N, C-alpha and C. Protein backbone atom coordinates (compact mmCIF):
# COMPACT_ATOMS: atom_id res chain seq x y z
N MET A 1 19.81 -83.99 2.57
CA MET A 1 18.50 -83.06 2.62
C MET A 1 18.90 -82.29 4.05
N SER A 2 19.51 -82.92 5.06
CA SER A 2 19.48 -82.11 6.24
C SER A 2 20.71 -80.88 6.09
N LEU A 3 21.45 -80.97 5.08
CA LEU A 3 22.26 -79.83 4.71
C LEU A 3 21.35 -78.67 4.20
N LEU A 4 20.58 -78.99 3.42
CA LEU A 4 19.68 -77.78 3.11
C LEU A 4 18.77 -77.16 4.09
N LEU A 5 18.41 -77.93 4.96
CA LEU A 5 17.68 -77.22 6.18
C LEU A 5 18.39 -76.42 6.97
N LEU A 6 19.79 -76.90 7.32
CA LEU A 6 20.55 -76.16 8.04
C LEU A 6 20.79 -74.68 7.46
N SER A 7 21.02 -74.73 6.23
CA SER A 7 21.41 -73.43 5.52
C SER A 7 20.22 -72.46 5.36
N SER A 8 19.22 -72.81 5.81
CA SER A 8 17.60 -71.94 5.66
C SER A 8 17.65 -71.43 4.48
N CYS A 9 17.92 -71.89 3.54
CA CYS A 9 17.66 -71.64 2.11
C CYS A 9 18.36 -70.50 1.62
N SER A 10 19.58 -70.06 2.18
CA SER A 10 20.21 -68.79 1.86
C SER A 10 21.07 -69.18 0.60
N TYR A 11 21.05 -70.33 0.11
CA TYR A 11 21.71 -70.43 -1.09
C TYR A 11 20.72 -70.02 -2.27
N PHE A 12 19.62 -69.94 -2.08
CA PHE A 12 18.61 -69.46 -3.24
C PHE A 12 18.27 -68.01 -3.07
N ARG A 13 18.53 -67.43 -2.06
CA ARG A 13 18.11 -65.98 -2.00
C ARG A 13 19.14 -65.28 -3.01
N GLU A 14 18.57 -64.18 -3.55
CA GLU A 14 19.04 -63.07 -4.40
C GLU A 14 19.95 -62.18 -3.65
N ALA A 15 21.10 -61.68 -4.18
CA ALA A 15 22.03 -60.78 -3.47
C ALA A 15 21.22 -59.41 -3.30
N GLU A 16 21.38 -58.99 -1.98
CA GLU A 16 20.70 -57.64 -1.66
C GLU A 16 21.21 -56.51 -2.92
N LYS A 17 20.20 -55.63 -3.32
CA LYS A 17 20.61 -54.58 -4.10
C LYS A 17 21.14 -53.57 -3.30
N GLU A 18 22.20 -53.03 -4.17
CA GLU A 18 23.11 -51.62 -3.57
C GLU A 18 22.17 -50.43 -3.60
N VAL A 19 22.21 -49.82 -2.13
CA VAL A 19 21.30 -48.75 -2.05
C VAL A 19 22.25 -47.63 -2.43
N VAL A 20 21.71 -46.77 -3.22
CA VAL A 20 22.35 -45.35 -3.42
C VAL A 20 21.58 -44.24 -3.29
N THR A 21 22.27 -43.29 -2.55
CA THR A 21 21.75 -42.04 -2.17
C THR A 21 22.41 -40.95 -2.87
N VAL A 22 21.18 -40.32 -3.66
CA VAL A 22 21.66 -39.05 -4.25
C VAL A 22 21.21 -37.93 -3.69
N THR A 23 22.17 -37.02 -3.64
CA THR A 23 21.98 -35.48 -2.92
C THR A 23 21.96 -34.66 -4.02
N GLU A 24 20.76 -33.93 -4.01
CA GLU A 24 20.18 -32.81 -5.15
C GLU A 24 20.18 -31.46 -4.35
N ILE A 25 20.99 -30.61 -4.95
CA ILE A 25 20.90 -29.29 -4.39
C ILE A 25 19.72 -28.39 -5.24
N VAL A 26 18.96 -27.95 -4.67
CA VAL A 26 17.63 -27.36 -5.41
C VAL A 26 18.04 -25.66 -5.17
N LYS A 27 18.32 -25.19 -6.51
CA LYS A 27 18.40 -23.66 -6.42
C LYS A 27 17.10 -22.94 -5.93
N PRO A 28 17.34 -21.86 -5.18
CA PRO A 28 16.03 -21.10 -4.61
C PRO A 28 15.48 -20.33 -5.94
N THR A 29 14.12 -20.35 -6.00
CA THR A 29 13.41 -19.68 -7.22
C THR A 29 12.84 -18.20 -6.98
N ILE A 30 13.25 -17.83 -5.71
CA ILE A 30 12.80 -16.34 -5.28
C ILE A 30 13.44 -15.33 -5.86
N ALA A 31 12.93 -14.45 -6.54
CA ALA A 31 13.32 -13.33 -7.26
C ALA A 31 13.65 -12.14 -6.23
N ILE A 32 14.95 -11.72 -6.70
CA ILE A 32 15.43 -10.47 -6.08
C ILE A 32 15.11 -9.26 -6.82
N ILE A 33 14.37 -8.33 -5.98
CA ILE A 33 14.03 -7.19 -6.80
C ILE A 33 15.01 -6.11 -6.53
N ASP A 34 15.04 -5.06 -7.48
CA ASP A 34 16.17 -4.09 -7.20
C ASP A 34 15.62 -3.14 -6.21
N LYS A 35 16.50 -2.58 -5.30
CA LYS A 35 16.08 -1.86 -4.18
C LYS A 35 15.71 -0.48 -4.71
N PRO A 36 14.92 0.20 -3.61
CA PRO A 36 14.37 1.43 -4.42
C PRO A 36 15.40 2.86 -4.44
N LYS A 37 15.03 3.53 -5.20
CA LYS A 37 16.04 4.81 -5.30
C LYS A 37 16.13 5.58 -4.18
N SER A 38 17.42 6.10 -4.02
CA SER A 38 17.62 6.77 -2.69
C SER A 38 16.67 7.89 -2.68
N LEU A 39 16.40 8.54 -1.45
CA LEU A 39 15.36 9.65 -1.16
C LEU A 39 16.15 10.84 -1.72
N LYS A 40 15.40 11.55 -2.24
CA LYS A 40 15.99 13.01 -2.48
C LYS A 40 14.72 13.93 -1.94
N LEU A 41 15.17 14.35 -0.55
CA LEU A 41 14.58 15.23 0.32
C LEU A 41 14.85 16.71 0.01
N ASP A 42 13.82 17.39 0.08
CA ASP A 42 13.84 18.91 -0.12
C ASP A 42 14.62 19.34 1.44
N ASP A 43 15.10 20.75 1.17
CA ASP A 43 15.57 21.38 2.29
C ASP A 43 14.47 22.11 2.99
N ILE A 44 14.98 22.11 4.41
CA ILE A 44 13.77 22.67 5.34
C ILE A 44 14.66 23.78 6.11
N ASN A 45 14.20 24.89 6.24
CA ASN A 45 14.77 26.04 7.06
C ASN A 45 14.08 26.14 8.32
N TRP A 46 14.69 26.06 9.44
CA TRP A 46 14.33 26.09 10.68
C TRP A 46 14.64 27.45 11.27
N TYR A 47 13.67 28.24 12.08
CA TYR A 47 14.23 29.42 12.70
C TYR A 47 13.89 29.24 14.16
N VAL A 48 14.56 29.61 14.96
CA VAL A 48 14.35 29.65 16.27
C VAL A 48 13.82 31.10 16.74
N VAL A 49 12.56 31.34 17.07
CA VAL A 49 12.13 32.39 17.54
C VAL A 49 11.77 32.57 18.97
N THR A 50 12.32 33.41 19.64
CA THR A 50 12.03 33.81 21.10
C THR A 50 11.39 35.20 21.11
N LYS A 51 10.64 35.45 22.32
CA LYS A 51 10.31 36.67 22.34
C LYS A 51 11.20 37.99 22.38
N ASP A 52 12.63 37.65 22.61
CA ASP A 52 13.64 38.42 22.40
C ASP A 52 13.84 38.71 20.97
N ASN A 53 13.72 37.86 19.96
CA ASN A 53 13.80 38.23 18.60
C ASN A 53 12.84 38.25 17.51
N ILE A 54 11.57 38.06 18.25
CA ILE A 54 10.41 38.06 17.10
C ILE A 54 10.26 39.17 16.14
N GLU A 55 10.38 40.50 16.76
CA GLU A 55 10.21 41.66 15.85
C GLU A 55 11.26 41.62 14.62
N ASP A 56 12.37 41.43 15.21
CA ASP A 56 13.43 41.51 14.09
C ASP A 56 13.30 40.37 13.07
N PHE A 57 12.85 39.11 13.64
CA PHE A 57 12.84 38.13 12.75
C PHE A 57 11.50 38.54 11.76
N LYS A 58 10.67 38.88 12.36
CA LYS A 58 9.34 39.23 11.33
C LYS A 58 9.80 40.14 10.12
N SER A 59 10.46 41.16 10.63
CA SER A 59 10.66 41.97 9.55
C SER A 59 11.78 41.59 8.40
N LYS A 60 12.69 40.78 9.06
CA LYS A 60 13.75 40.15 7.88
C LYS A 60 12.97 38.73 7.14
N PHE A 61 12.32 38.06 7.91
CA PHE A 61 11.49 36.90 7.14
C PHE A 61 10.41 37.59 6.34
N ALA A 62 9.76 38.61 6.44
CA ALA A 62 8.79 39.09 5.34
C ALA A 62 9.51 39.64 4.23
N ASP A 63 10.48 40.27 4.15
CA ASP A 63 11.39 40.98 3.19
C ASP A 63 11.98 39.73 2.50
N LYS A 64 12.48 38.52 3.14
CA LYS A 64 12.84 37.45 2.34
C LYS A 64 11.94 36.41 1.81
N GLU A 65 11.16 36.05 2.39
CA GLU A 65 10.25 34.89 2.38
C GLU A 65 8.76 35.20 1.67
N GLY A 66 8.44 36.37 2.12
CA GLY A 66 7.12 36.87 1.86
C GLY A 66 5.96 36.65 3.20
N ASP A 67 5.03 35.71 3.02
CA ASP A 67 3.94 35.66 4.14
C ASP A 67 4.66 34.86 5.20
N LEU A 68 4.29 35.35 6.46
CA LEU A 68 4.72 34.72 7.60
C LEU A 68 3.63 33.85 8.10
N VAL A 69 3.96 32.62 8.63
CA VAL A 69 2.97 31.72 9.21
C VAL A 69 3.78 30.98 10.38
N PHE A 70 3.08 30.83 11.40
CA PHE A 70 3.97 30.37 12.51
C PHE A 70 3.42 28.80 13.00
N TYR A 71 4.08 27.97 12.98
CA TYR A 71 3.72 26.61 13.63
C TYR A 71 4.61 26.47 15.02
N ALA A 72 3.92 26.52 16.09
CA ALA A 72 4.36 26.64 17.30
C ALA A 72 4.77 25.11 17.83
N MET A 73 5.92 25.06 18.69
CA MET A 73 5.99 23.42 19.14
C MET A 73 6.97 23.67 20.44
N SER A 74 6.49 23.11 21.41
CA SER A 74 7.22 23.09 22.65
C SER A 74 8.59 22.60 22.72
N VAL A 75 9.39 22.96 23.52
CA VAL A 75 10.75 22.22 23.59
C VAL A 75 10.51 20.82 23.89
N ARG A 76 9.50 20.41 24.79
CA ARG A 76 9.49 19.12 25.00
C ARG A 76 8.96 18.29 23.80
N SER A 77 8.10 18.86 22.98
CA SER A 77 7.59 18.17 21.75
C SER A 77 8.75 18.18 20.59
N TYR A 78 9.64 19.21 20.67
CA TYR A 78 10.62 19.30 19.48
C TYR A 78 11.55 18.01 20.10
N GLU A 79 11.86 17.85 21.40
CA GLU A 79 12.49 16.58 21.90
C GLU A 79 12.12 15.33 21.45
N ASN A 80 10.59 15.13 21.56
CA ASN A 80 10.07 13.96 21.21
C ASN A 80 9.92 13.57 19.69
N LEU A 81 9.95 14.94 18.81
CA LEU A 81 10.11 14.82 17.51
C LEU A 81 11.42 13.89 17.02
N ALA A 82 12.51 14.50 17.75
CA ALA A 82 13.83 14.22 17.55
C ALA A 82 13.98 12.55 17.92
N LEU A 83 13.52 12.16 19.08
CA LEU A 83 13.53 10.76 19.57
C LEU A 83 12.80 9.84 18.41
N ASN A 84 11.56 10.41 18.11
CA ASN A 84 10.75 9.77 17.16
C ASN A 84 11.56 9.51 15.81
N MET A 85 12.29 10.40 15.33
CA MET A 85 12.91 10.17 14.11
C MET A 85 14.00 9.27 14.32
N ALA A 86 14.85 9.34 15.53
CA ALA A 86 15.67 8.25 15.84
C ALA A 86 15.28 6.95 15.63
N GLN A 87 14.02 6.53 16.27
CA GLN A 87 13.26 5.54 16.25
C GLN A 87 13.03 4.87 14.94
N ILE A 88 12.44 5.77 14.02
CA ILE A 88 12.26 5.36 12.61
C ILE A 88 13.51 5.20 11.81
N LYS A 89 14.47 5.85 12.08
CA LYS A 89 15.82 5.66 11.59
C LYS A 89 16.36 4.25 11.86
N GLU A 90 16.25 3.86 13.18
CA GLU A 90 16.74 2.62 13.69
C GLU A 90 15.69 1.39 12.99
N TYR A 91 14.56 1.74 12.87
CA TYR A 91 13.64 0.57 12.42
C TYR A 91 13.92 0.48 11.01
N ILE A 92 14.11 1.38 10.31
CA ILE A 92 14.44 1.36 8.72
C ILE A 92 15.81 0.46 8.68
N MET A 93 16.69 0.74 9.29
CA MET A 93 18.27 -0.02 9.34
C MET A 93 17.70 -1.35 9.85
N LYS A 94 17.00 -1.77 10.58
CA LYS A 94 17.03 -3.27 11.20
C LYS A 94 16.17 -3.86 10.06
N GLN A 95 15.25 -3.23 9.34
CA GLN A 95 14.27 -3.71 8.13
C GLN A 95 15.37 -4.11 7.15
N ASN A 96 16.20 -3.24 6.74
CA ASN A 96 17.43 -3.13 5.81
C ASN A 96 18.14 -4.36 6.05
N GLU A 97 18.54 -4.71 7.07
CA GLU A 97 19.53 -5.79 7.72
C GLU A 97 18.61 -7.15 7.38
N ILE A 98 17.30 -7.07 7.70
CA ILE A 98 16.42 -8.41 7.46
C ILE A 98 16.40 -8.54 5.95
N ILE A 99 16.32 -7.52 5.11
CA ILE A 99 16.07 -7.69 3.74
C ILE A 99 17.52 -8.29 3.12
N ILE A 100 18.61 -7.84 3.62
CA ILE A 100 19.94 -8.24 3.26
C ILE A 100 19.95 -9.62 3.58
N TYR A 101 19.56 -10.00 4.73
CA TYR A 101 19.86 -11.46 5.30
C TYR A 101 18.92 -12.45 4.41
N TYR A 102 17.74 -12.08 3.82
CA TYR A 102 16.95 -12.99 3.17
C TYR A 102 17.52 -12.96 1.81
N GLU A 103 17.96 -11.72 1.46
CA GLU A 103 18.62 -11.86 -0.05
C GLU A 103 19.67 -12.79 -0.11
N GLU A 104 20.69 -12.86 0.68
CA GLU A 104 21.96 -13.77 1.02
C GLU A 104 21.48 -15.12 1.11
N ALA A 105 20.45 -15.26 1.62
CA ALA A 105 19.88 -16.55 2.03
C ALA A 105 19.42 -17.26 0.69
N VAL A 106 18.71 -16.42 -0.22
CA VAL A 106 18.31 -17.21 -1.55
C VAL A 106 19.01 -16.69 -2.79
N THR A 107 20.16 -16.18 -2.46
CA THR A 107 21.35 -16.16 -3.68
C THR A 107 22.02 -17.39 -3.77
N TRP A 108 22.18 -17.86 -5.04
CA TRP A 108 22.83 -19.01 -5.11
C TRP A 108 24.22 -18.75 -5.60
N LYS A 109 25.19 -19.48 -4.89
CA LYS A 109 26.68 -19.27 -5.27
C LYS A 109 27.41 -20.48 -5.21
N GLU A 110 27.72 -20.53 -6.67
CA GLU A 110 28.19 -21.94 -7.38
C GLU A 110 29.18 -22.31 -6.57
N ASP A 111 30.32 -21.43 -6.24
CA ASP A 111 31.61 -21.71 -5.85
C ASP A 111 31.36 -22.02 -4.18
N ILE A 112 30.26 -21.69 -3.57
CA ILE A 112 30.31 -22.10 -2.00
C ILE A 112 29.19 -23.24 -1.93
N ILE A 113 29.48 -24.36 -1.30
CA ILE A 113 28.52 -25.15 -1.26
C ILE A 113 28.82 -26.03 0.24
N ASP A 114 27.81 -25.88 0.82
CA ASP A 114 28.12 -26.30 2.40
C ASP A 114 28.17 -27.85 2.59
N GLU A 115 29.45 -28.24 2.98
CA GLU A 115 29.81 -29.55 3.08
C GLU A 115 28.55 -30.41 4.03
N GLU A 116 28.03 -29.79 4.68
CA GLU A 116 27.26 -30.60 5.66
C GLU A 116 25.97 -30.94 5.02
N VAL A 117 25.43 -30.22 4.10
CA VAL A 117 24.42 -30.67 3.15
C VAL A 117 24.78 -31.64 2.41
N LEU A 118 25.90 -31.99 1.99
CA LEU A 118 26.25 -33.16 1.24
C LEU A 118 26.70 -34.26 1.98
N GLN A 119 26.74 -34.20 3.25
CA GLN A 119 26.96 -35.28 4.33
C GLN A 119 25.36 -35.91 4.77
């Protein structure tokens, strides 16, 4: 009887079950839509008119284009317009990089499995 007390009843316990860990890789379910078509912008003609060439410009323009309308812009405003367009272009390029980053993040590649995920 003393032998049974010293063993703390380990003889009667069931063996521990083996723990199995299963790693499941879930494919992303976000649909990637087609990119929009490229822009097809119309041509714009710019004419630089100064006090020195205005009379010659008016006669040539009226013969070629018809009605003459002026939209005036200072040199500083034109510089601001150019800077604004550069900022818009940079913003669009950064947005495109973000879109590409997320498209690649949700695109499933069967042949590339991150080993860190499996460990």
